[in-house]
Amino acid sequence: MAAKGKGIEPAFPVDIINRLLTSRHLSTVRQVQMSENEIRTLCIASREIFLSQPNLLELEAPIKICGNIHVAALIGDKILCMHGGLSPDLHNFDQIKNMPRPTDVPDSGLLCNLLW
């Protein structure tokens, strides 16, 4: 694994994921043993991937949206998809694009409305 703060060695998370996926093809349920270091590595790699993604995707229709990790998606400049709902605090899409990440979700306001 790479030195702390230098990112994760790309092959290491892939090896762990491949080991996890191999067990799903078996006819019986099988537990996969993972070390604390492997779990931590997957969490760090996942965080890096999630944070590298934009808050607002601008996509062309037709498209299937399922399990999206982004805050919102704008499809064909006509359809706005999000986890939660519209917010009275939303005045333009730059507000979504410029949301800082990572961040705590507040009890009220734009981010809270978009997510819940």
Foldseek 3Di string as FASTA:
>chain_A
DDDPPPADDVVLLVVVVVQVVVQVPDPDHDDDDDDPVNVVNNVRNVLVVLQVDFQEAEEEDDDDDDPDPHQWYHYPVPDIDGQADDDPQDDDCVVRRPDDPPDDQDPDDDSVRSND
